[in-house]
């Protein structure tokens, strides 16, 4: 998956916006103002995704060196996924969708209904 397909997939979900809240290199995708994915636009080597804590540990064990605790993120709830390790696009898309769904599930009912 390249950065263009990553961006296109993230933007395909309802209520998603993209912005650069930290610096001019870190592209952040949010749903209703809450982050669910981010990456470096200049050096698309990895992406950070929100993840269920139990599943996060399982993925790190299943894909050693390719999925790590979230870089500069809460290590319990975020994973850093290598985009250099030949991971299948369908798996990456599944994890992006899971991240989006986790964030949506925690939104106030009123915001969920808008989506």
PDB file of N, CA and C in Angstrom:
ATOM      1  N   UNK A   1       0.853  -1.177   0.000  1.00  0.00           N
ATOM      2  CA  UNK A   1       0.000   0.000   0.000  1.00  0.00           C
ATOM      3  C   UNK A   1       0.898   1.239   0.000  1.00  0.00           C
ATOM      4  N   UNK A   2       0.602   2.159  -0.866  1.00  0.00           N
ATOM      5  CA  UNK A   2       1.354   3.404  -0.893  1.00  0.00           C
ATOM      6  C   UNK A   2       0.559   4.497  -0.174  1.00  0.00           C
ATOM      7  N   UNK A   3       1.160   5.667  -0.041  1.00  0.00           N
ATOM      8  CA  UNK A   3       0.522   6.729   0.732  1.00  0.00           C
ATOM      9  C   UNK A   3      -0.772   7.209   0.080  1.00  0.00           C
ATOM     10  N   UNK A   4      -0.831   7.201  -1.244  1.00  0.00           N
ATOM     11  CA  UNK A   4      -2.045   7.651  -1.919  1.00  0.00           C
ATOM     12  C   UNK A   4      -3.216   6.718  -1.635  1.00  0.00           C
ATOM     13  N   UNK A   5      -2.977   5.409  -1.700  1.00  0.00           N
ATOM     14  CA  UNK A   5      -4.065   4.459  -1.428  1.00  0.00           C
ATOM     15  C   UNK A   5      -4.433   4.455   0.060  1.00  0.00           C
ATOM     16  N   UNK A   6      -3.442   4.661   0.939  1.00  0.00           N
ATOM     17  CA  UNK A   6      -3.715   4.777   2.372  1.00  0.00           C
ATOM     18  C   UNK A   6      -4.626   5.977   2.629  1.00  0.00           C
ATOM     19  N   UNK A   7      -4.278   7.116   2.057  1.00  0.00           N
ATOM     20  CA  UNK A   7      -5.054   8.345   2.233  1.00  0.00           C
ATOM     21  C   UNK A   7      -6.464   8.158   1.680  1.00  0.00           C
ATOM     22  N   UNK A   8      -6.564   7.621   0.490  1.00  0.00           N
ATOM     23  CA  UNK A   8      -7.871   7.412  -0.143  1.00  0.00           C
ATOM     24  C   UNK A   8      -8.756   6.497   0.701  1.00  0.00           C
ATOM     25  N   UNK A   9      -8.168   5.431   1.230  1.00  0.00           N
ATOM     26  CA  UNK A   9      -8.946   4.496   2.050  1.00  0.00           C
ATOM     27  C   UNK A   9      -9.423   5.161   3.343  1.00  0.00           C
ATOM     28  N   UNK A  10      -8.535   5.888   4.014  1.00  0.00           N
ATOM     29  CA  UNK A  10      -8.924   6.565   5.262  1.00  0.00           C
ATOM     30  C   UNK A  10     -10.053   7.561   5.016  1.00  0.00           C
ATOM     31  N   UNK A  11      -9.970   8.295   3.912  1.00  0.00           N
ATOM     32  CA  UNK A  11     -10.993   9.301   3.603  1.00  0.00           C
ATOM     33  C   UNK A  11     -12.309   8.697   3.127  1.00  0.00           C
ATOM     34  N   UNK A  12     -12.326   7.402   2.849  1.00  0.00           N
ATOM     35  CA  UNK A  12     -13.546   6.751   2.363  1.00  0.00           C
ATOM     36  C   UNK A  12     -14.581   6.537   3.466  1.00  0.00           C
ATOM     37  N   UNK A  13     -14.174   6.661   4.721  1.00  0.00           N
ATOM     38  CA  UNK A  13     -15.090   6.455   5.832  1.00  0.00           C
ATOM     39  C   UNK A  13     -15.883   7.727   6.131  1.00  0.00           C
ATOM     40  N   UNK A  14     -17.051   7.553   6.659  1.00  0.00           N
ATOM     41  CA  UNK A  14     -17.945   8.670   6.981  1.00  0.00           C
ATOM     42  C   UNK A  14     -17.366   9.553   8.081  1.00  0.00           C
ATOM     43  N   UNK A  15     -17.456  10.865   7.888  1.00  0.00           N
ATOM     44  CA  UNK A  15     -17.062  11.814   8.915  1.00  0.00           C
ATOM     45  C   UNK A  15     -15.581  12.042   9.077  1.00  0.00           C
ATOM     46  N   UNK A  16     -14.761  11.573   8.131  1.00  0.00           N
ATOM     47  CA  UNK A  16     -13.305  11.654   8.273  1.00  0.00           C
ATOM     48  C   UNK A  16     -12.768  12.962   7.697  1.00  0.00           C
ATOM     49  N   UNK A  17     -11.836  13.548   8.434  1.00  0.00           N
ATOM     50  CA  UNK A  17     -11.097  14.710   7.976  1.00  0.00           C
ATOM     51  C   UNK A  17      -9.608  14.400   8.065  1.00  0.00           C
ATOM     52  N   UNK A  18      -8.820  15.172   7.319  1.00  0.00           N
ATOM     53  CA  UNK A  18      -7.362  15.034   7.401  1.00  0.00           C
ATOM     54  C   UNK A  18      -6.782  16.393   7.749  1.00  0.00           C
ATOM     55  N   UNK A  19      -5.716  16.370   8.533  1.00  0.00           N
ATOM     56  CA  UNK A  19      -5.084  17.622   8.923  1.00  0.00           C
ATOM     57  C   UNK A  19      -3.647  17.379   9.360  1.00  0.00           C
ATOM     58  N   UNK A  20      -2.943  18.478   9.596  1.00  0.00           N
ATOM     59  CA  UNK A  20      -1.562  18.441  10.052  1.00  0.00           C
ATOM     60  C   UNK A  20      -1.469  19.199  11.389  1.00  0.00           C
ATOM     61  N   UNK A  21      -1.979  18.612  12.486  1.00  0.00           N
ATOM     62  CA  UNK A  21      -2.027  19.344  13.758  1.00  0.00           C
ATOM     63  C   UNK A  21      -0.679  19.464  14.476  1.00  0.00           C
ATOM     64  N   UNK A  22       0.273  18.586  14.136  1.00  0.00           N
ATOM     65  CA  UNK A  22       1.538  18.556  14.875  1.00  0.00           C
ATOM     66  C   UNK A  22       2.657  19.290  14.141  1.00  0.00           C
ATOM     67  N   UNK A  23       2.777  19.026  12.854  1.00  0.00           N
ATOM     68  CA  UNK A  23       3.803  19.653  12.019  1.00  0.00           C
ATOM     69  C   UNK A  23       3.413  19.446  10.565  1.00  0.00           C
ATOM     70  N   UNK A  24       4.257  19.907   9.648  1.00  0.00           N
ATOM     71  CA  UNK A  24       3.910  19.820   8.230  1.00  0.00           C
ATOM     72  C   UNK A  24       4.157  18.441   7.632  1.00  0.00           C
ATOM     73  N   UNK A  25       4.679  17.505   8.403  1.00  0.00           N
ATOM     74  CA  UNK A  25       4.961  16.157   7.897  1.00  0.00           C
ATOM     75  C   UNK A  25       3.998  15.092   8.386  1.00  0.00           C
ATOM     76  N   UNK A  26       3.350  15.314   9.517  1.00  0.00           N
ATOM     77  CA  UNK A  26       2.520  14.286  10.135  1.00  0.00           C
ATOM     78  C   UNK A  26       1.060  14.475   9.736  1.00  0.00           C
ATOM     79  N   UNK A  27       0.611  13.604   8.838  1.00  0.00           N
ATOM     80  CA  UNK A  27      -0.766  13.623   8.356  1.00  0.00           C
ATOM     81  C   UNK A  27      -1.627  12.803   9.311  1.00  0.00           C
ATOM     82  N   UNK A  28      -2.676  13.437   9.823  1.00  0.00           N
ATOM     83  CA  UNK A  28      -3.551  12.803  10.809  1.00  0.00           C
ATOM     84  C   UNK A  28      -4.965  12.693  10.241  1.00  0.00           C
ATOM     85  N   UNK A  29      -5.544  11.513  10.388  1.00  0.00           N
ATOM     86  CA  UNK A  29      -6.931  11.292   9.988  1.00  0.00           C
ATOM     87  C   UNK A  29      -7.775  11.205  11.246  1.00  0.00           C
ATOM     88  N   UNK A  30      -8.878  11.964  11.236  1.00  0.00           N
ATOM     89  CA  UNK A  30      -9.762  12.017  12.397  1.00  0.00           C
ATOM     90  C   UNK A  30     -11.190  11.729  11.966  1.00  0.00           C
ATOM     91  N   UNK A  31     -11.938  11.138  12.890  1.00  0.00           N
ATOM     92  CA  UNK A  31     -13.378  11.000  12.710  1.00  0.00           C
ATOM     93  C   UNK A  31     -14.030  11.808  13.827  1.00  0.00           C
ATOM     94  N   UNK A  32     -14.837  12.763  13.435  1.00  0.00           N
ATOM     95  CA  UNK A  32     -15.507  13.655  14.387  1.00  0.00           C
ATOM     96  C   UNK A  32     -14.501  14.256  15.377  1.00  0.00           C
ATOM     97  N   UNK A  33     -13.323  14.623  14.872  1.00  0.00           N
ATOM     98  CA  UNK A  33     -12.314  15.280  15.685  1.00  0.00           C
ATOM     99  C   UNK A  33     -11.408  14.380  16.495  1.00  0.00           C
ATOM    100  N   UNK A  34     -11.566  13.060  16.389  1.00  0.00           N
ATOM    101  CA  UNK A  34     -10.747  12.106  17.152  1.00  0.00           C
ATOM    102  C   UNK A  34      -9.839  11.325  16.202  1.00  0.00           C
ATOM    103  N   UNK A  35      -8.551  11.238  16.544  1.00  0.00           N
ATOM    104  CA  UNK A  35      -7.580  10.551  15.689  1.00  0.00           C
ATOM    105  C   UNK A  35      -7.833   9.050  15.614  1.00  0.00           C
ATOM    106  N   UNK A  36      -7.661   8.508  14.386  1.00  0.00           N
ATOM    107  CA  UNK A  36      -7.676   7.052  14.244  1.00  0.00           C
ATOM    108  C   UNK A  36      -6.505   6.548  13.404  1.00  0.00           C
ATOM    109  N   UNK A  37      -5.823   7.428  12.685  1.00  0.00           N
ATOM    110  CA  UNK A  37      -4.668   7.013  11.881  1.00  0.00           C
ATOM    111  C   UNK A  37      -3.764   8.207  11.626  1.00  0.00           C
ATOM    112  N   UNK A  38      -2.458   7.948  11.544  1.00  0.00           N
ATOM    113  CA  UNK A  38      -1.523   8.989  11.188  1.00  0.00           C
ATOM    114  C   UNK A  38      -0.273   8.408  10.559  1.00  0.00           C
ATOM    115  N   UNK A  39       0.416   9.255   9.790  1.00  0.00           N
ATOM    116  CA  UNK A  39       1.643   8.827   9.115  1.00  0.00           C
ATOM    117  C   UNK A  39       2.503  10.038   8.799  1.00  0.00           C
ATOM    118  N   UNK A  40       3.733   9.779   8.424  1.00  0.00           N
ATOM    119  CA  UNK A  40       4.649  10.813   7.957  1.00  0.00           C
ATOM    120  C   UNK A  40       4.525  10.872   6.437  1.00  0.00           C
ATOM    121  N   UNK A  41       4.186  12.034   5.893  1.00  0.00           N
ATOM    122  CA  UNK A  41       3.967  12.143   4.446  1.00  0.00           C
ATOM    123  C   UNK A  41       5.261  12.151   3.645  1.00  0.00           C
ATOM    124  N   UNK A  42       6.362  12.601   4.242  1.00  0.00           N
ATOM    125  CA  UNK A  42       7.636  12.624   3.524  1.00  0.00           C
ATOM    126  C   UNK A  42       8.317  11.259   3.507  1.00  0.00           C
ATOM    127  N   UNK A  43       8.110  10.509   4.567  1.00  0.00           N
ATOM    128  CA  UNK A  43       8.803   9.234   4.736  1.00  0.00           C
ATOM    129  C   UNK A  43       7.774   8.175   5.132  1.00  0.00           C
ATOM    130  N   UNK A  44       7.009   7.701   4.167  1.00  0.00           N
ATOM    131  CA  UNK A  44       5.891   6.786   4.430  1.00  0.00           C
ATOM    132  C   UNK A  44       6.414   5.373   4.725  1.00  0.00           C
ATOM    133  N   UNK A  45       7.060   5.247   5.888  1.00  0.00           N
ATOM    134  CA  UNK A  45       7.608   3.950   6.285  1.00  0.00           C
ATOM    135  C   UNK A  45       6.680   3.186   7.215  1.00  0.00           C
ATOM    136  N   UNK A  46       5.798   3.926   7.919  1.00  0.00           N
ATOM    137  CA  UNK A  46       4.902   3.273   8.870  1.00  0.00           C
ATOM    138  C   UNK A  46       3.661   4.132   9.064  1.00  0.00           C
ATOM    139  N   UNK A  47       2.645   3.495   9.648  1.00  0.00           N
ATOM    140  CA  UNK A  47       1.431   4.205  10.024  1.00  0.00           C
ATOM    141  C   UNK A  47       1.116   3.855  11.474  1.00  0.00           C
ATOM    142  N   UNK A  48       0.463   4.764  12.171  1.00  0.00           N
ATOM    143  CA  UNK A  48       0.008   4.501  13.532  1.00  0.00           C
ATOM    144  C   UNK A  48      -1.496   4.326  13.503  1.00  0.00           C
ATOM    145  N   UNK A  49      -1.953   3.247  14.147  1.00  0.00           N
ATOM    146  CA  UNK A  49      -3.377   2.931  14.185  1.00  0.00           C
ATOM    147  C   UNK A  49      -3.799   2.588  15.603  1.00  0.00           C
ATOM    148  N   UNK A  50      -4.983   3.023  15.960  1.00  0.00           N
ATOM    149  CA  UNK A  50      -5.566   2.655  17.255  1.00  0.00           C
ATOM    150  C   UNK A  50      -5.911   1.165  17.203  1.00  0.00           C
ATOM    151  N   UNK A  51      -5.797   0.492  18.342  1.00  0.00           N
ATOM    152  CA  UNK A  51      -6.042  -0.947  18.368  1.00  0.00           C
ATOM    153  C   UNK A  51      -6.518  -1.375  19.753  1.00  0.00           C
ATOM    154  N   UNK A  52      -7.396  -2.349  19.774  1.00  0.00           N
ATOM    155  CA  UNK A  52      -7.812  -2.950  21.039  1.00  0.00           C
ATOM    156  C   UNK A  52      -6.554  -3.468  21.742  1.00  0.00           C
ATOM    157  N   UNK A  53      -6.393  -3.206  23.037  1.00  0.00           N
ATOM    158  CA  UNK A  53      -5.157  -3.594  23.726  1.00  0.00           C
ATOM    159  C   UNK A  53      -4.787  -5.076  23.614  1.00  0.00           C
ATOM    160  N   UNK A  54      -5.757  -5.967  23.703  1.00  0.00           N
ATOM    161  CA  UNK A  54      -5.459  -7.399  23.603  1.00  0.00           C
ATOM    162  C   UNK A  54      -5.036  -7.753  22.184  1.00  0.00           C
ATOM    163  N   UNK A  55      -5.770  -7.233  21.208  1.00  0.00           N
ATOM    164  CA  UNK A  55      -5.429  -7.493  19.807  1.00  0.00           C
ATOM    165  C   UNK A  55      -4.080  -6.871  19.454  1.00  0.00           C
ATOM    166  N   UNK A  56      -3.761  -5.724  20.042  1.00  0.00           N
ATOM    167  CA  UNK A  56      -2.480  -5.065  19.782  1.00  0.00           C
ATOM    168  C   UNK A  56      -1.319  -5.990  20.132  1.00  0.00           C
ATOM    169  N   UNK A  57      -1.410  -6.634  21.280  1.00  0.00           N
ATOM    170  CA  UNK A  57      -0.355  -7.563  21.712  1.00  0.00           C
ATOM    171  C   UNK A  57      -0.294  -8.766  20.765  1.00  0.00           C
ATOM    172  N   UNK A  58      -1.464  -9.296  20.398  1.00  0.00           N
ATOM    173  CA  UNK A  58      -1.500 -10.444  19.482  1.00  0.00           C
ATOM    174  C   UNK A  58      -0.850 -10.108  18.138  1.00  0.00           C
ATOM    175  N   UNK A  59      -1.157  -8.930  17.602  1.00  0.00           N
ATOM    176  CA  UNK A  59      -0.585  -8.532  16.307  1.00  0.00           C
ATOM    177  C   UNK A  59       0.929  -8.339  16.403  1.00  0.00           C
ATOM    178  N   UNK A  60       1.387  -7.760  17.508  1.00  0.00           N
ATOM    179  CA  UNK A  60       2.832  -7.575  17.696  1.00  0.00           C
ATOM    180  C   UNK A  60       3.553  -8.914  17.751  1.00  0.00           C
ATOM    181  N   UNK A  61       2.893  -9.916  18.363  1.00  0.00           N
ATOM    182  CA  UNK A  61       3.500 -11.251  18.439  1.00  0.00           C
ATOM    183  C   UNK A  61       3.438 -11.969  17.092  1.00  0.00           C
ATOM    184  N   UNK A  62       2.344 -11.775  16.356  1.00  0.00           N
ATOM    185  CA  UNK A  62       2.168 -12.435  15.059  1.00  0.00           C
ATOM    186  C   UNK A  62       3.060 -11.836  13.972  1.00  0.00           C
ATOM    187  N   UNK A  63       3.335 -10.541  14.071  1.00  0.00           N
ATOM    188  CA  UNK A  63       4.137  -9.841  13.071  1.00  0.00           C
ATOM    189  C   UNK A  63       5.310  -9.127  13.735  1.00  0.00           C
ATOM    190  N   UNK A  64       6.246  -9.906  14.315  1.00  0.00           N
ATOM    191  CA  UNK A  64       7.372  -9.271  15.017  1.00  0.00           C
ATOM    192  C   UNK A  64       8.210  -8.423  14.059  1.00  0.00           C
ATOM    193  N   UNK A  65       8.550  -7.224  14.517  1.00  0.00           N
ATOM    194  CA  UNK A  65       9.347  -6.323  13.700  1.00  0.00           C
ATOM    195  C   UNK A  65       8.538  -5.521  12.694  1.00  0.00           C
ATOM    196  N   UNK A  66       7.323  -5.953  12.410  1.00  0.00           N
ATOM    197  CA  UNK A  66       6.466  -5.250  11.453  1.00  0.00           C
ATOM    198  C   UNK A  66       5.360  -4.467  12.150  1.00  0.00           C
ATOM    199  N   UNK A  67       4.934  -4.955  13.303  1.00  0.00           N
ATOM    200  CA  UNK A  67       3.950  -4.234  14.118  1.00  0.00           C
ATOM    201  C   UNK A  67       4.550  -4.058  15.505  1.00  0.00           C
ATOM    202  N   UNK A  68       4.668  -2.803  15.893  1.00  0.00           N
ATOM    203  CA  UNK A  68       5.325  -2.439  17.143  1.00  0.00           C
ATOM    204  C   UNK A  68       4.398  -1.562  17.975  1.00  0.00           C
ATOM    205  N   UNK A  69       4.712  -1.410  19.272  1.00  0.00           N
ATOM    206  CA  UNK A  69       3.931  -0.457  20.076  1.00  0.00           C
ATOM    207  C   UNK A  69       3.971   0.921  19.419  1.00  0.00           C
ATOM    208  N   UNK A  70       2.883   1.652  19.496  1.00  0.00           N
ATOM    209  CA  UNK A  70       2.752   2.940  18.813  1.00  0.00           C
ATOM    210  C   UNK A  70       3.860   3.925  19.130  1.00  0.00           C
ATOM    211  N   UNK A  71       4.546   4.355  18.090  1.00  0.00           N
ATOM    212  CA  UNK A  71       5.635   5.324  18.221  1.00  0.00           C
ATOM    213  C   UNK A  71       5.058   6.683  18.610  1.00  0.00           C
ATOM    214  N   UNK A  72       5.530   7.234  19.719  1.00  0.00           N
ATOM    215  CA  UNK A  72       5.052   8.515  20.266  1.00  0.00           C
ATOM    216  C   UNK A  72       3.565   8.489  20.613  1.00  0.00           C
ATOM    217  N   UNK A  73       3.029   7.305  20.891  1.00  0.00           N
ATOM    218  CA  UNK A  73       1.608   7.156  21.198  1.00  0.00           C
ATOM    219  C   UNK A  73       1.477   6.329  22.478  1.00  0.00           C
ATOM    220  N   UNK A  74       0.244   6.213  22.971  1.00  0.00           N
ATOM    221  CA  UNK A  74      -0.034   5.330  24.099  1.00  0.00           C
ATOM    222  C   UNK A  74       0.213   3.897  23.628  1.00  0.00           C
ATOM    223  N   UNK A  75       1.219   3.254  24.178  1.00  0.00           N
ATOM    224  CA  UNK A  75       1.652   1.925  23.714  1.00  0.00           C
ATOM    225  C   UNK A  75       0.587   0.851  23.925  1.00  0.00           C
ATOM    226  N   UNK A  76      -0.326   1.082  24.842  1.00  0.00           N
ATOM    227  CA  UNK A  76      -1.378   0.107  25.107  1.00  0.00           C
ATOM    228  C   UNK A  76      -2.447   0.127  24.021  1.00  0.00           C
ATOM    229  N   UNK A  77      -2.740   1.316  23.474  1.00  0.00           N
ATOM    230  CA  UNK A  77      -3.866   1.475  22.561  1.00  0.00           C
ATOM    231  C   UNK A  77      -3.482   1.748  21.107  1.00  0.00           C
ATOM    232  N   UNK A  78      -2.192   1.892  20.820  1.00  0.00           N
ATOM    233  CA  UNK A  78      -1.769   2.220  19.459  1.00  0.00           C
ATOM    234  C   UNK A  78      -0.657   1.289  18.999  1.00  0.00           C
ATOM    235  N   UNK A  79      -0.713   0.934  17.715  1.00  0.00           N
ATOM    236  CA  UNK A  79       0.342   0.165  17.068  1.00  0.00           C
ATOM    237  C   UNK A  79       0.951   0.984  15.949  1.00  0.00           C
ATOM    238  N   UNK A  80       2.241   0.779  15.731  1.00  0.00           N
ATOM    239  CA  UNK A  80       2.919   1.297  14.551  1.00  0.00           C
ATOM    240  C   UNK A  80       3.088   0.126  13.599  1.00  0.00           C
ATOM    241  N   UNK A  81       2.543   0.277  12.395  1.00  0.00           N
ATOM    242  CA  UNK A  81       2.549  -0.780  11.385  1.00  0.00           C
ATOM    243  C   UNK A  81       3.540  -0.397  10.295  1.00  0.00           C
ATOM    244  N   UNK A  82       4.524  -1.260  10.056  1.00  0.00           N
ATOM    245  CA  UNK A  82       5.514  -1.007   9.016  1.00  0.00           C
ATOM    246  C   UNK A  82       4.867  -1.103   7.640  1.00  0.00           C
ATOM    247  N   UNK A  83       5.165  -0.142   6.796  1.00  0.00           N
ATOM    248  CA  UNK A  83       4.672  -0.179   5.422  1.00  0.00           C
ATOM    249  C   UNK A  83       5.773  -0.690   4.491  1.00  0.00           C
ATOM    250  N   UNK A  84       6.870  -1.177   5.072  1.00  0.00           N
ATOM    251  CA  UNK A  84       8.011  -1.664   4.309  1.00  0.00           C
ATOM    252  C   UNK A  84       8.134  -3.189   4.364  1.00  0.00           C
ATOM    253  N   UNK A  85       7.206  -3.848   5.054  1.00  0.00           N
ATOM    254  CA  UNK A  85       7.392  -5.262   5.327  1.00  0.00           C
ATOM    255  C   UNK A  85       6.522  -6.217   4.536  1.00  0.00           C
ATOM    256  N   UNK A  86       5.998  -5.767   3.419  1.00  0.00           N
ATOM    257  CA  UNK A  86       5.185  -6.643   2.567  1.00  0.00           C
ATOM    258  C   UNK A  86       3.955  -7.210   3.262  1.00  0.00           C
ATOM    259  N   UNK A  87       3.373  -6.451   4.153  1.00  0.00           N
ATOM    260  CA  UNK A  87       2.108  -6.868   4.751  1.00  0.00           C
ATOM    261  C   UNK A  87       1.016  -6.738   3.699  1.00  0.00           C
ATOM    262  N   UNK A  88       0.089  -7.693   3.650  1.00  0.00           N
ATOM    263  CA  UNK A  88      -0.976  -7.636   2.644  1.00  0.00           C
ATOM    264  C   UNK A  88      -1.870  -6.405   2.827  1.00  0.00           C
ATOM    265  N   UNK A  89      -2.228  -5.768   1.720  1.00  0.00           N
ATOM    266  CA  UNK A  89      -3.079  -4.578   1.767  1.00  0.00           C
ATOM    267  C   UNK A  89      -4.403  -4.857   2.458  1.00  0.00           C
ATOM    268  N   UNK A  90      -4.960  -6.054   2.244  1.00  0.00           N
ATOM    269  CA  UNK A  90      -6.252  -6.352   2.869  1.00  0.00           C
ATOM    270  C   UNK A  90      -6.139  -6.383   4.393  1.00  0.00           C
ATOM    271  N   UNK A  91      -5.000  -6.835   4.914  1.00  0.00           N
ATOM    272  CA  UNK A  91      -4.775  -6.823   6.371  1.00  0.00           C
ATOM    273  C   UNK A  91      -4.643  -5.390   6.876  1.00  0.00           C
ATOM    274  N   UNK A  92      -3.878  -4.581   6.159  1.00  0.00           N
ATOM    275  CA  UNK A  92      -3.702  -3.185   6.561  1.00  0.00           C
ATOM    276  C   UNK A  92      -5.049  -2.470   6.546  1.00  0.00           C
ATOM    277  N   UNK A  93      -5.848  -2.709   5.516  1.00  0.00           N
ATOM    278  CA  UNK A  93      -7.180  -2.093   5.440  1.00  0.00           C
ATOM    279  C   UNK A  93      -8.060  -2.565   6.597  1.00  0.00           C
ATOM    280  N   UNK A  94      -7.952  -3.826   6.946  1.00  0.00           N
ATOM    281  CA  UNK A  94      -8.718  -4.353   8.085  1.00  0.00           C
ATOM    282  C   UNK A  94      -8.350  -3.619   9.365  1.00  0.00           C
ATOM    283  N   UNK A  95      -7.048  -3.395   9.576  1.00  0.00           N
ATOM    284  CA  UNK A  95      -6.589  -2.724  10.787  1.00  0.00           C
ATOM    285  C   UNK A  95      -6.979  -1.245  10.786  1.00  0.00           C
ATOM    286  N   UNK A  96      -6.973  -0.605   9.624  1.00  0.00           N
ATOM    287  CA  UNK A  96      -7.421   0.787   9.524  1.00  0.00           C
ATOM    288  C   UNK A  96      -8.901   0.868   9.892  1.00  0.00           C
ATOM    289  N   UNK A  97      -9.700  -0.039   9.341  1.00  0.00           N
ATOM    290  CA  UNK A  97     -11.146  -0.072   9.624  1.00  0.00           C
ATOM    291  C   UNK A  97     -11.382  -0.326  11.109  1.00  0.00           C
ATOM    292  N   UNK A  98     -10.624  -1.258  11.692  1.00  0.00           N
ATOM    293  CA  UNK A  98     -10.747  -1.529  13.133  1.00  0.00           C
ATOM    294  C   UNK A  98     -10.442  -0.273  13.945  1.00  0.00           C
ATOM    295  N   UNK A  99      -9.411   0.469  13.556  1.00  0.00           N
ATOM    296  CA  UNK A  99      -9.047   1.690  14.255  1.00  0.00           C
ATOM    297  C   UNK A  99     -10.177   2.705  14.178  1.00  0.00           C
ATOM    298  N   UNK A 100     -10.707   2.896  12.989  1.00  0.00           N
ATOM    299  CA  UNK A 100     -11.838   3.802  12.784  1.00  0.00           C
ATOM    300  C   UNK A 100     -13.019   3.383  13.659  1.00  0.00           C
ATOM    301  N   UNK A 101     -13.355   2.090  13.617  1.00  0.00           N
ATOM    302  CA  UNK A 101     -14.503   1.579  14.378  1.00  0.00           C
ATOM    303  C   UNK A 101     -14.320   1.759  15.885  1.00  0.00           C
ATOM    304  N   UNK A 102     -13.101   1.562  16.385  1.00  0.00           N
ATOM    305  CA  UNK A 102     -12.828   1.759  17.814  1.00  0.00           C
ATOM    306  C   UNK A 102     -13.098   3.201  18.227  1.00  0.00           C
ATOM    307  N   UNK A 103     -12.665   4.132  17.406  1.00  0.00           N
ATOM    308  CA  UNK A 103     -12.867   5.543  17.726  1.00  0.00           C
ATOM    309  C   UNK A 103     -14.346   5.898  17.646  1.00  0.00           C
ATOM    310  N   UNK A 104     -15.024   5.431  16.604  1.00  0.00           N
ATOM    311  CA  UNK A 104     -16.457   5.712  16.455  1.00  0.00           C
ATOM    312  C   UNK A 104     -17.241   5.162  17.641  1.00  0.00           C
ATOM    313  N   UNK A 105     -16.884   3.974  18.101  1.00  0.00           N
ATOM    314  CA  UNK A 105     -17.602   3.352  19.221  1.00  0.00           C
ATOM    315  C   UNK A 105     -17.514   4.180  20.496  1.00  0.00           C
ATOM    316  N   UNK A 106     -16.461   4.972  20.648  1.00  0.00           N
ATOM    317  CA  UNK A 106     -16.271   5.792  21.852  1.00  0.00           C
ATOM    318  C   UNK A 106     -16.854   7.206  21.716  1.00  0.00           C
ATOM    319  N   UNK A 107     -17.362   7.544  20.541  1.00  0.00           N
ATOM    320  CA  UNK A 107     -17.947   8.869  20.337  1.00  0.00           C
ATOM    321  C   UNK A 107     -19.267   8.988  21.091  1.00  0.00           C
ATOM    322  N   UNK A 108     -19.649  10.196  21.460  1.00  0.00           N
ATOM    323  CA  UNK A 108     -20.971  10.380  22.045  1.00  0.00           C
ATOM    324  C   UNK A 108     -22.062   9.907  21.072  1.00  0.00           C
ATOM    325  N   UNK A 109     -23.142   9.439  21.623  1.00  0.00           N
ATOM    326  CA  UNK A 109     -24.241   8.893  20.814  1.00  0.00           C
ATOM    327  C   UNK A 109     -24.687   9.876  19.724  1.00  0.00           C
ATOM    328  N   UNK A 110     -24.768  11.134  20.068  1.00  0.00           N
ATOM    329  CA  UNK A 110     -25.198  12.167  19.120  1.00  0.00           C
ATOM    330  C   UNK A 110     -24.250  12.214  17.907  1.00  0.00           C
ATOM    331  N   UNK A 111     -22.942  12.113  18.140  1.00  0.00           N
ATOM    332  CA  UNK A 111     -21.983  12.125  17.036  1.00  0.00           C
ATOM    333  C   UNK A 111     -22.060  10.841  16.218  1.00  0.00           C
ATOM    334  N   UNK A 112     -22.223   9.700  16.897  1.00  0.00           N
ATOM    335  CA  UNK A 112     -22.362   8.429  16.161  1.00  0.00           C
ATOM    336  C   UNK A 112     -23.568   8.463  15.236  1.00  0.00           C
ATOM    337  N   UNK A 113     -24.647   9.052  15.700  1.00  0.00           N
ATOM    338  CA  UNK A 113     -25.876   9.118  14.899  1.00  0.00           C
ATOM    339  C   UNK A 113     -25.686   9.999  13.667  1.00  0.00           C
ATOM    340  N   UNK A 114     -24.837  11.009  13.755  1.00  0.00           N
ATOM    341  CA  UNK A 114     -24.551  11.869  12.603  1.00  0.00           C
ATOM    342  C   UNK A 114     -23.839  11.101  11.494  1.00  0.00           C
ATOM    343  N   UNK A 115     -23.063  10.110  11.898  1.00  0.00           N
ATOM    344  CA  UNK A 115     -22.312   9.331  10.908  1.00  0.00           C
ATOM    345  C   UNK A 115     -23.235   8.389  10.163  1.00  0.00           C
TER     346      UNK A 115
END
